[in-house]
N, C-alpha and C. Protein backbone atom coordinates (compact mmCIF):
# COMPACT_ATOMS: atom_id res chain seq x y z
N MET A 1 1.00 -0.91 0.29
CA MET A 1 -0.02 -0.01 0.17
C MET A 1 1.09 1.31 -0.01
N GLU A 2 0.69 2.21 -0.97
CA GLU A 2 1.58 3.30 -1.09
C GLU A 2 1.32 4.51 -0.07
N GLN A 3 1.04 5.87 0.03
CA GLN A 3 1.03 6.54 1.16
C GLN A 3 -0.36 6.67 1.69
N LEU A 4 -1.18 6.81 2.80
CA LEU A 4 -2.43 7.09 2.83
C LEU A 4 -2.75 8.38 2.67
N PRO A 5 -3.97 8.71 2.11
CA PRO A 5 -4.42 9.96 1.70
C PRO A 5 -4.56 10.78 3.34
N ALA A 6 -4.67 11.80 3.23
CA ALA A 6 -5.04 12.40 4.34
C ALA A 6 -6.22 12.61 4.95
N ASN A 7 -7.16 12.61 3.96
CA ASN A 7 -8.19 12.11 4.76
C ASN A 7 -8.84 10.94 4.89
N PHE A 8 -8.13 9.86 5.12
CA PHE A 8 -8.00 8.33 5.37
C PHE A 8 -7.98 8.55 6.79
N SER A 9 -6.49 9.20 7.52
CA SER A 9 -6.59 9.19 8.85
C SER A 9 -7.51 9.77 9.55
N ALA A 10 -8.44 10.71 9.25
CA ALA A 10 -9.43 11.24 9.99
C ALA A 10 -10.90 10.10 9.69
N LEU A 11 -10.94 9.56 8.75
CA LEU A 11 -11.87 8.56 8.24
C LEU A 11 -11.74 7.20 9.42
N LEU A 12 -10.47 6.91 9.34
CA LEU A 12 -9.94 5.71 10.33
C LEU A 12 -10.22 6.15 11.73
N ALA A 13 -9.80 7.57 12.11
CA ALA A 13 -10.20 7.93 13.64
C ALA A 13 -11.62 7.81 13.85
N LEU A 14 -12.39 8.57 13.01
CA LEU A 14 -13.66 8.02 13.13
C LEU A 14 -14.34 6.82 12.95
N VAL A 15 -14.17 6.09 11.84
CA VAL A 15 -14.34 4.63 12.50
C VAL A 15 -14.24 3.94 13.94
N PHE A 16 -12.81 4.27 14.32
CA PHE A 16 -12.71 3.76 15.45
C PHE A 16 -13.14 4.28 16.54
N ALA A 17 -13.65 5.67 16.87
CA ALA A 17 -14.77 6.04 17.83
C ALA A 17 -15.99 5.70 17.46
N LEU A 18 -16.27 5.51 16.62
CA LEU A 18 -17.92 5.15 16.58
C LEU A 18 -17.62 3.52 17.06
N GLY A 19 -16.55 2.89 16.22
CA GLY A 19 -16.54 1.43 16.44
C GLY A 19 -16.61 1.27 18.24
N MET A 20 -15.88 1.93 18.65
CA MET A 20 -15.46 1.96 20.48
C MET A 20 -17.04 2.42 20.80
N ARG A 21 -17.93 3.62 20.80
CA ARG A 21 -19.00 3.67 20.89
C ARG A 21 -20.13 2.10 20.82
N HIS A 22 -19.65 2.01 19.38
CA HIS A 22 -20.85 0.48 19.24
C HIS A 22 -20.65 -0.72 19.92
N GLY A 23 -19.30 -0.50 20.65
CA GLY A 23 -18.95 -1.70 21.43
C GLY A 23 -19.64 -1.55 22.98
N PHE A 24 -20.31 -0.40 23.27
CA PHE A 24 -20.75 0.02 24.65
C PHE A 24 -22.62 -0.22 24.35
N ASP A 25 -22.67 -0.31 23.25
CA ASP A 25 -24.26 -0.41 23.02
C ASP A 25 -24.89 -1.23 24.37
N PRO A 26 -26.07 -1.37 24.85
CA PRO A 26 -26.26 -1.52 26.01
C PRO A 26 -27.07 -3.23 25.62
N ASP A 27 -27.19 -3.30 24.13
CA ASP A 27 -27.55 -4.85 24.11
C ASP A 27 -26.22 -5.68 24.19
N HIS A 28 -25.14 -5.27 23.81
CA HIS A 28 -23.70 -6.01 23.44
C HIS A 28 -23.45 -6.30 25.15
N LEU A 29 -23.47 -4.77 25.93
CA LEU A 29 -23.14 -5.15 27.44
C LEU A 29 -23.77 -6.27 28.27
N ALA A 30 -24.76 -6.20 27.83
CA ALA A 30 -25.87 -6.79 28.59
C ALA A 30 -26.07 -8.34 28.52
N THR A 31 -25.57 -8.45 26.96
CA THR A 31 -25.47 -10.04 26.49
C THR A 31 -23.71 -10.34 26.91
N ILE A 32 -23.05 -9.73 26.91
CA ILE A 32 -21.72 -10.19 27.46
C ILE A 32 -21.78 -10.69 28.89
N ASP A 33 -22.51 -9.71 29.46
CA ASP A 33 -22.54 -9.97 31.13
C ASP A 33 -23.42 -11.05 31.12
N GLY A 34 -24.46 -11.16 30.67
CA GLY A 34 -25.17 -12.50 30.87
C GLY A 34 -24.30 -13.81 30.79
N LEU A 35 -23.60 -13.95 29.39
CA LEU A 35 -23.01 -14.90 29.16
C LEU A 35 -21.68 -15.36 29.91
N THR A 36 -21.11 -13.90 30.83
CA THR A 36 -20.21 -14.34 31.89
C THR A 36 -20.42 -14.57 32.80
N ARG A 37 -21.65 -13.83 33.27
CA ARG A 37 -22.49 -14.91 34.79
C ARG A 37 -22.74 -16.28 34.40
N PHE A 38 -23.59 -16.53 32.89
CA PHE A 38 -23.91 -18.16 33.15
C PHE A 38 -23.07 -18.99 33.67
N ASN A 39 -21.37 -18.58 32.66
CA ASN A 39 -20.39 -19.11 32.64
C ASN A 39 -19.55 -19.15 33.85
N ALA A 40 -19.75 -18.20 34.72
CA ALA A 40 -19.13 -18.01 35.92
C ALA A 40 -19.48 -19.31 37.36
N ALA A 41 -20.63 -19.54 36.67
CA ALA A 41 -21.06 -20.19 37.59
C ALA A 41 -20.68 -21.87 36.95
N ALA A 42 -20.91 -22.24 35.90
CA ALA A 42 -19.94 -23.63 35.55
C ALA A 42 -18.86 -23.93 35.20
N GLN A 43 -18.21 -22.76 34.48
CA GLN A 43 -17.03 -22.88 33.76
C GLN A 43 -16.24 -21.69 33.63
N ARG A 44 -15.52 -21.22 34.98
CA ARG A 44 -14.91 -20.41 35.06
C ARG A 44 -14.27 -19.60 34.13
N ARG A 45 -13.33 -20.70 33.62
CA ARG A 45 -12.41 -20.80 32.72
C ARG A 45 -12.71 -19.50 31.64
N ILE A 46 -13.93 -20.44 30.59
CA ILE A 46 -14.93 -19.77 29.62
C ILE A 46 -15.30 -18.41 29.97
N SER A 47 -15.92 -18.17 31.62
CA SER A 47 -16.26 -16.75 31.45
C SER A 47 -15.30 -15.55 31.27
N ARG A 48 -14.11 -15.86 31.78
CA ARG A 48 -12.75 -14.94 31.57
C ARG A 48 -12.76 -14.29 30.29
N TRP A 49 -13.00 -15.34 29.15
CA TRP A 49 -12.72 -15.20 28.03
C TRP A 49 -13.83 -14.67 27.19
N CYS A 50 -15.78 -14.51 28.07
CA CYS A 50 -16.71 -14.37 26.99
C CYS A 50 -16.69 -13.01 26.37
N GLY A 51 -16.18 -11.78 26.76
CA GLY A 51 -15.92 -10.19 26.09
C GLY A 51 -15.06 -10.69 24.62
N PHE A 52 -14.20 -11.52 25.26
CA PHE A 52 -12.95 -11.56 23.97
C PHE A 52 -13.57 -12.41 23.13
N LEU A 53 -14.33 -13.25 23.50
CA LEU A 53 -14.97 -14.35 22.19
C LEU A 53 -16.07 -13.56 21.56
N PHE A 54 -16.77 -12.95 22.05
CA PHE A 54 -17.85 -12.19 21.43
C PHE A 54 -17.28 -11.35 20.84
N SER A 55 -16.43 -10.25 21.06
CA SER A 55 -16.03 -9.20 20.32
C SER A 55 -15.13 -10.14 19.02
N LEU A 56 -14.80 -11.06 19.10
CA LEU A 56 -13.96 -12.08 18.34
C LEU A 56 -14.91 -12.02 16.63
N GLY A 57 -15.86 -12.83 17.57
CA GLY A 57 -16.89 -13.33 16.49
C GLY A 57 -17.73 -12.10 15.80
N HIS A 58 -17.87 -10.89 16.63
CA HIS A 58 -18.46 -9.46 16.05
C HIS A 58 -17.67 -9.24 14.82
N GLY A 59 -16.34 -8.88 15.52
CA GLY A 59 -15.20 -8.34 14.68
C GLY A 59 -14.93 -9.12 13.19
N VAL A 60 -15.42 -10.85 13.19
CA VAL A 60 -14.91 -11.60 11.72
C VAL A 60 -15.81 -11.35 11.09
N ILE A 61 -17.04 -11.04 11.40
CA ILE A 61 -18.36 -10.29 10.37
C ILE A 61 -18.10 -9.17 9.95
N VAL A 62 -17.85 -8.38 10.92
CA VAL A 62 -17.65 -7.03 10.20
C VAL A 62 -16.23 -6.96 9.31
N MET A 63 -15.24 -7.44 9.70
CA MET A 63 -13.94 -7.79 8.64
C MET A 63 -14.65 -8.62 7.37
N ALA A 64 -15.26 -9.37 7.40
CA ALA A 64 -15.94 -10.03 6.44
C ALA A 64 -16.50 -9.22 5.21
N VAL A 65 -17.63 -8.33 5.93
CA VAL A 65 -18.55 -7.50 5.04
C VAL A 65 -17.72 -6.27 4.56
N ALA A 66 -16.24 -5.64 5.46
CA ALA A 66 -15.53 -4.88 4.74
C ALA A 66 -14.65 -5.02 3.58
N ILE A 67 -14.54 -6.33 3.98
CA ILE A 67 -13.68 -6.94 2.49
C ILE A 67 -14.46 -7.02 1.37
N GLY A 68 -15.74 -7.55 1.50
CA GLY A 68 -16.74 -7.73 0.65
C GLY A 68 -16.88 -6.67 -0.17
N VAL A 69 -17.52 -5.87 0.52
CA VAL A 69 -17.84 -4.37 0.07
C VAL A 69 -16.81 -3.54 -0.75
N GLY A 70 -15.48 -3.60 -0.13
CA GLY A 70 -14.60 -3.10 -0.74
C GLY A 70 -14.09 -3.57 -2.02
N VAL A 71 -14.06 -4.95 -2.16
CA VAL A 71 -14.20 -5.44 -3.40
C VAL A 71 -15.21 -4.95 -4.55
N LEU A 72 -16.65 -5.34 -4.02
CA LEU A 72 -17.57 -5.15 -4.75
C LEU A 72 -17.33 -3.68 -5.24
N ALA A 73 -16.98 -2.69 -4.11
CA ALA A 73 -17.02 -1.24 -4.45
C ALA A 73 -16.15 -0.79 -5.72
N GLN A 74 -15.35 -1.84 -6.09
CA GLN A 74 -14.34 -1.19 -7.15
C GLN A 74 -15.26 -1.47 -8.27
N ALA A 75 -16.21 -2.18 -8.49
CA ALA A 75 -16.81 -2.54 -9.97
C ALA A 75 -18.03 -1.75 -10.13
N TRP A 76 -18.60 -2.02 -8.75
CA TRP A 76 -20.27 -1.01 -8.76
C TRP A 76 -20.31 0.30 -7.85
N GLN A 77 -21.12 1.24 -8.57
CA GLN A 77 -21.32 2.50 -7.89
C GLN A 77 -22.62 2.40 -6.78
N VAL A 78 -22.42 2.58 -5.53
CA VAL A 78 -23.54 2.72 -4.72
C VAL A 78 -24.62 3.84 -5.04
N PRO A 79 -25.79 3.72 -5.50
CA PRO A 79 -26.79 4.61 -5.64
C PRO A 79 -26.68 5.65 -4.18
N LEU A 80 -27.10 6.95 -4.53
CA LEU A 80 -27.11 8.17 -3.55
C LEU A 80 -28.29 8.04 -2.73
N TRP A 81 -29.36 7.70 -3.43
CA TRP A 81 -30.33 6.92 -2.38
C TRP A 81 -30.41 6.14 -1.32
N LEU A 82 -29.65 5.13 -1.74
CA LEU A 82 -28.79 3.79 -0.51
C LEU A 82 -28.49 4.55 0.90
N GLU A 83 -27.81 5.62 1.26
CA GLU A 83 -27.64 5.94 2.44
C GLU A 83 -28.64 6.66 3.13
N ASP A 84 -29.93 7.62 2.38
CA ASP A 84 -30.68 7.88 2.85
C ASP A 84 -32.03 6.72 3.37
N ALA A 85 -32.13 6.16 2.29
CA ALA A 85 -33.08 4.71 2.38
C ALA A 85 -32.65 3.75 4.11
N GLY A 86 -31.30 3.46 3.83
CA GLY A 86 -30.54 2.97 5.09
C GLY A 86 -31.15 3.43 6.32
N ALA A 87 -30.36 5.22 6.19
CA ALA A 87 -30.84 5.63 7.37
C ALA A 87 -31.97 5.67 8.48
N TRP A 88 -33.62 5.71 7.12
CA TRP A 88 -34.55 5.51 7.67
C TRP A 88 -34.82 4.28 8.00
N ILE A 89 -34.35 3.05 7.16
CA ILE A 89 -35.02 1.76 7.80
C ILE A 89 -34.36 1.75 9.38
N SER A 90 -33.20 2.18 9.67
CA SER A 90 -32.84 2.03 10.83
C SER A 90 -33.84 2.73 12.20
N ILE A 91 -34.06 4.03 11.58
CA ILE A 91 -34.29 4.81 12.70
C ILE A 91 -35.90 4.12 12.67
N ILE A 92 -36.90 3.76 12.02
CA ILE A 92 -38.28 2.95 11.86
C ILE A 92 -37.99 1.75 12.95
N PHE A 93 -36.79 1.00 12.60
CA PHE A 93 -36.92 -0.36 13.13
C PHE A 93 -36.64 -0.14 14.58
N LEU A 94 -35.38 1.13 15.21
CA LEU A 94 -35.06 1.05 16.19
C LEU A 94 -35.83 1.69 17.07
N THR A 95 -36.83 2.45 16.47
CA THR A 95 -37.98 2.79 17.34
C THR A 95 -39.03 2.05 17.25
N LEU A 96 -39.20 1.16 16.59
CA LEU A 96 -40.00 0.23 17.03
C LEU A 96 -39.48 -0.84 18.00
N LEU A 97 -38.06 -1.13 17.80
CA LEU A 97 -37.89 -2.02 18.91
C LEU A 97 -37.79 -1.20 20.15
N GLY A 98 -37.83 0.11 20.58
CA GLY A 98 -37.88 0.85 21.29
C GLY A 98 -38.83 0.77 22.03
N PHE A 99 -40.00 0.94 21.48
CA PHE A 99 -41.53 0.86 21.61
C PHE A 99 -41.82 -0.89 22.55
N LEU A 100 -41.27 -1.80 21.78
CA LEU A 100 -41.43 -3.17 22.23
C LEU A 100 -40.84 -3.18 23.40
N ASN A 101 -39.49 -2.79 23.69
CA ASN A 101 -38.55 -3.09 24.80
C ASN A 101 -39.51 -1.91 25.92
N LEU A 102 -39.77 -0.98 25.80
CA LEU A 102 -40.87 -0.31 26.75
C LEU A 102 -42.15 -1.02 27.32
N SER A 103 -42.70 -1.50 26.31
CA SER A 103 -43.72 -2.48 26.59
C SER A 103 -43.30 -3.50 27.61
N ALA A 104 -42.57 -4.25 26.95
CA ALA A 104 -41.64 -5.32 28.26
C ALA A 104 -41.73 -5.11 29.18
N VAL A 105 -40.87 -3.78 29.30
CA VAL A 105 -40.48 -3.46 30.86
C VAL A 105 -41.73 -3.24 31.51
N LEU A 106 -42.33 -2.53 31.12
CA LEU A 106 -44.23 -2.36 31.47
C LEU A 106 -44.52 -3.42 31.92
N LYS A 107 -44.80 -4.56 31.48
CA LYS A 107 -45.60 -5.51 31.54
C LYS A 107 -45.02 -6.20 32.38
N THR A 108 -43.61 -6.19 32.94
CA THR A 108 -43.13 -7.05 33.67
C THR A 108 -43.06 -6.79 35.18
N ALA A 109 -43.49 -7.67 35.93
CA ALA A 109 -43.17 -7.63 37.53
C ALA A 109 -41.53 -6.94 38.09
N PRO A 110 -42.21 -5.96 38.92
CA PRO A 110 -40.47 -5.71 39.57
C PRO A 110 -39.37 -6.35 39.85
N ASP A 111 -40.23 -7.67 40.24
CA ASP A 111 -38.91 -8.77 40.87
C ASP A 111 -38.52 -9.89 39.83
N GLN A 112 -38.81 -9.68 38.53
CA GLN A 112 -39.14 -10.44 37.32
C GLN A 112 -37.84 -9.93 36.36
N VAL A 113 -37.38 -10.17 35.89
CA VAL A 113 -36.13 -10.22 34.67
C VAL A 113 -36.97 -9.78 33.27
N VAL A 114 -36.91 -8.72 32.62
CA VAL A 114 -37.31 -8.60 31.32
C VAL A 114 -36.60 -8.95 30.32
N ARG A 115 -37.56 -10.16 29.49
CA ARG A 115 -37.09 -11.03 28.52
C ARG A 115 -36.53 -10.18 27.52
N PRO A 116 -35.67 -10.90 26.93
CA PRO A 116 -35.55 -10.09 25.43
C PRO A 116 -36.78 -9.68 24.03
N ILE A 117 -37.16 -8.74 23.54
CA ILE A 117 -38.00 -8.37 22.72
C ILE A 117 -37.07 -8.68 21.37
N GLY A 118 -37.98 -8.94 20.13
CA GLY A 118 -37.62 -9.04 19.01
C GLY A 118 -37.15 -10.16 18.33
N LEU A 119 -36.91 -10.28 17.09
CA LEU A 119 -36.13 -11.08 16.36
C LEU A 119 -34.94 -11.72 16.66
N LYS A 120 -33.87 -10.71 17.28
CA LYS A 120 -32.97 -11.11 18.20
C LYS A 120 -32.96 -11.91 19.14
N GLY A 121 -33.97 -11.31 20.16
CA GLY A 121 -33.77 -11.89 21.50
C GLY A 121 -34.52 -13.24 21.07
N ARG A 122 -35.51 -13.49 20.31
CA ARG A 122 -35.97 -14.75 20.50
C ARG A 122 -35.02 -15.99 19.76
N LEU A 123 -34.34 -15.24 18.58
CA LEU A 123 -32.94 -16.17 17.91
C LEU A 123 -31.96 -16.42 18.96
N LEU A 124 -31.37 -15.49 19.88
CA LEU A 124 -30.44 -15.68 20.46
C LEU A 124 -30.85 -16.28 21.84
N GLY A 125 -32.20 -16.17 22.01
CA GLY A 125 -32.44 -16.83 23.85
C GLY A 125 -31.60 -18.06 23.99
N ARG A 126 -31.87 -18.45 23.39
CA ARG A 126 -31.35 -19.98 23.59
C ARG A 126 -29.85 -20.17 24.06
N LEU A 127 -29.19 -19.16 23.02
CA LEU A 127 -27.64 -18.92 22.98
C LEU A 127 -26.93 -18.06 24.27
N GLN A 128 -28.07 -17.37 24.78
CA GLN A 128 -27.53 -16.95 26.27
C GLN A 128 -27.13 -17.26 26.92
N HIS A 129 -27.26 -18.83 27.12
CA HIS A 129 -26.47 -19.68 28.06
C HIS A 129 -25.17 -20.73 27.41
N ALA A 130 -24.63 -19.93 26.28
CA ALA A 130 -23.31 -20.64 25.58
C ALA A 130 -22.48 -20.98 26.55
N SER A 131 -22.03 -22.32 26.46
CA SER A 131 -20.87 -22.47 27.38
C SER A 131 -19.58 -23.11 26.51
N HIS A 132 -19.70 -23.05 25.28
CA HIS A 132 -18.59 -23.56 24.50
C HIS A 132 -18.10 -22.31 23.75
N PRO A 133 -16.52 -22.28 23.95
CA PRO A 133 -16.02 -20.63 23.16
C PRO A 133 -16.57 -20.58 21.85
N ALA A 134 -17.00 -21.86 20.87
CA ALA A 134 -17.03 -21.04 19.57
C ALA A 134 -18.75 -20.60 19.63
N LEU A 135 -19.24 -21.17 20.69
CA LEU A 135 -20.96 -20.69 20.72
C LEU A 135 -20.79 -19.20 21.25
N VAL A 136 -19.83 -18.75 22.31
CA VAL A 136 -19.88 -17.85 22.74
C VAL A 136 -19.27 -16.58 21.46
N ALA A 137 -18.59 -17.32 20.66
CA ALA A 137 -17.98 -16.47 19.49
C ALA A 137 -19.34 -16.33 18.12
N LEU A 138 -19.85 -17.30 18.35
CA LEU A 138 -21.53 -17.28 17.41
C LEU A 138 -22.60 -16.13 17.85
N VAL A 139 -22.58 -15.73 19.06
CA VAL A 139 -23.58 -15.42 19.57
C VAL A 139 -23.00 -13.90 19.31
N GLY A 140 -21.51 -13.32 19.13
CA GLY A 140 -20.80 -12.18 18.61
C GLY A 140 -21.26 -11.87 17.15
N ALA A 141 -20.91 -12.87 16.52
CA ALA A 141 -21.09 -12.59 14.69
C ALA A 141 -22.57 -12.65 14.76
N LEU A 142 -23.18 -13.36 15.34
CA LEU A 142 -25.06 -13.08 15.49
C LEU A 142 -25.16 -11.69 15.38
N PHE A 143 -24.73 -11.41 16.50
CA PHE A 143 -25.21 -9.56 16.80
C PHE A 143 -24.37 -8.88 15.82
N ALA A 144 -23.72 -8.96 15.06
CA ALA A 144 -23.10 -8.01 13.90
C ALA A 144 -24.27 -8.38 12.61
N LEU A 145 -24.73 -9.41 12.93
CA LEU A 145 -25.72 -9.71 11.53
C LEU A 145 -26.93 -8.69 11.82
N SER A 146 -26.86 -7.57 12.11
CA SER A 146 -27.89 -6.36 12.29
C SER A 146 -27.69 -5.14 11.08
N PHE A 147 -28.64 -4.95 10.44
CA PHE A 147 -28.46 -3.71 9.95
C PHE A 147 -27.98 -2.31 10.31
N ASP A 148 -27.90 -2.24 11.15
CA ASP A 148 -27.50 -0.98 11.29
C ASP A 148 -25.81 -1.29 11.42
N THR A 149 -25.61 -2.55 12.34
CA THR A 149 -23.88 -3.00 12.12
C THR A 149 -23.26 -3.02 10.34
N MET A 150 -24.32 -3.68 9.63
CA MET A 150 -23.70 -3.85 8.51
C MET A 150 -23.94 -2.63 7.73
N SER A 151 -24.97 -1.95 7.65
CA SER A 151 -24.87 -0.43 6.87
C SER A 151 -23.67 0.32 7.43
N GLN A 152 -23.39 0.38 8.62
CA GLN A 152 -22.05 1.31 8.99
C GLN A 152 -20.89 0.56 8.51
N ALA A 153 -20.54 -0.77 8.63
CA ALA A 153 -19.55 -1.48 7.67
C ALA A 153 -19.40 -1.06 6.68
N ALA A 154 -20.88 -1.28 5.89
CA ALA A 154 -20.83 -1.41 4.02
C ALA A 154 -20.07 0.24 3.72
N LEU A 155 -20.71 1.00 4.71
CA LEU A 155 -20.68 2.80 4.28
C LEU A 155 -19.28 3.06 4.19
N PHE A 156 -18.66 3.02 5.33
CA PHE A 156 -17.18 2.97 5.73
C PHE A 156 -16.13 2.13 4.69
N SER A 157 -16.54 0.96 4.46
CA SER A 157 -15.99 0.55 3.59
C SER A 157 -16.04 0.93 1.80
N VAL A 158 -17.20 1.32 1.51
CA VAL A 158 -17.34 1.99 0.29
C VAL A 158 -16.23 3.37 0.32
N THR A 159 -16.39 3.99 0.98
CA THR A 159 -15.58 5.51 1.41
C THR A 159 -14.12 5.13 1.54
N ALA A 160 -13.71 4.11 1.93
CA ALA A 160 -12.51 3.65 2.09
C ALA A 160 -11.70 3.18 0.63
N ALA A 161 -12.83 2.39 0.22
CA ALA A 161 -12.26 1.78 -1.28
C ALA A 161 -11.80 2.45 -2.06
N GLY A 162 -13.04 3.82 -2.19
CA GLY A 162 -12.73 4.72 -3.18
C GLY A 162 -11.94 5.44 -2.93
N MET A 163 -11.20 5.39 -1.64
CA MET A 163 -9.50 6.10 -1.28
C MET A 163 -8.31 5.61 -1.73
N GLY A 164 -8.95 3.90 -2.18
CA GLY A 164 -7.40 2.80 -2.63
C GLY A 164 -7.76 1.77 -2.69
N GLY A 165 -9.07 1.33 -2.72
CA GLY A 165 -9.09 -0.18 -2.77
C GLY A 165 -9.17 -0.68 -1.70
N TRP A 166 -9.49 -2.16 -1.64
CA TRP A 166 -10.44 -3.02 -1.12
C TRP A 166 -9.55 -3.12 0.15
N GLU A 167 -8.18 -2.71 0.34
CA GLU A 167 -7.23 -2.54 1.44
C GLU A 167 -7.23 -1.58 2.16
N TYR A 168 -8.23 -0.94 2.07
CA TYR A 168 -8.01 0.29 2.85
C TYR A 168 -9.91 -0.15 3.51
N SER A 169 -10.20 -1.06 2.72
CA SER A 169 -11.49 -1.19 3.48
C SER A 169 -11.51 -2.11 4.51
N LEU A 170 -10.45 -3.01 4.52
CA LEU A 170 -10.02 -4.02 5.42
C LEU A 170 -9.37 -3.14 6.58
N LEU A 171 -8.76 -2.30 6.46
CA LEU A 171 -8.22 -1.14 7.47
C LEU A 171 -9.42 -0.68 8.31
N MET A 172 -10.90 -0.45 7.57
CA MET A 172 -11.78 0.18 8.02
C MET A 172 -12.40 -0.92 9.15
N GLY A 173 -12.41 -1.94 8.43
CA GLY A 173 -13.12 -3.35 9.37
C GLY A 173 -12.25 -3.90 10.63
């Protein structure tokens, strides 16, 4: 790779900061905490690695999207309307999910645990008791399969690919 464009350092810093913020999303933290607590009772050795394994699975998916989009971006021009459409889809789904979660909180007795709501909650409900390292990483990977994560990874990868190819997209991942 030749010298990085000046704008690339700013993009890399932005992606890093947003990635760190994304890592502190409540659903991610709650899932990692739940996996850690579950494994602390049964398999203390694995409980120490739950955060790392979740992040590993999540990161593998983000890297795969970054590379895939970076390669495709060299042969395909992204339509301008796609960014706005993606933002509105995220807004609608996150608002709907917020109302569903609020409803679940209000319907749950004060001494009970609120059950996860939505498709992710139903699909990952059984995996919240994962005790094998590969299953913990799988939970992280499945969390990466959300529109929000995929659209951000794709947007930053397309931008990076425009600056210098799929290798730059790999750095974004």
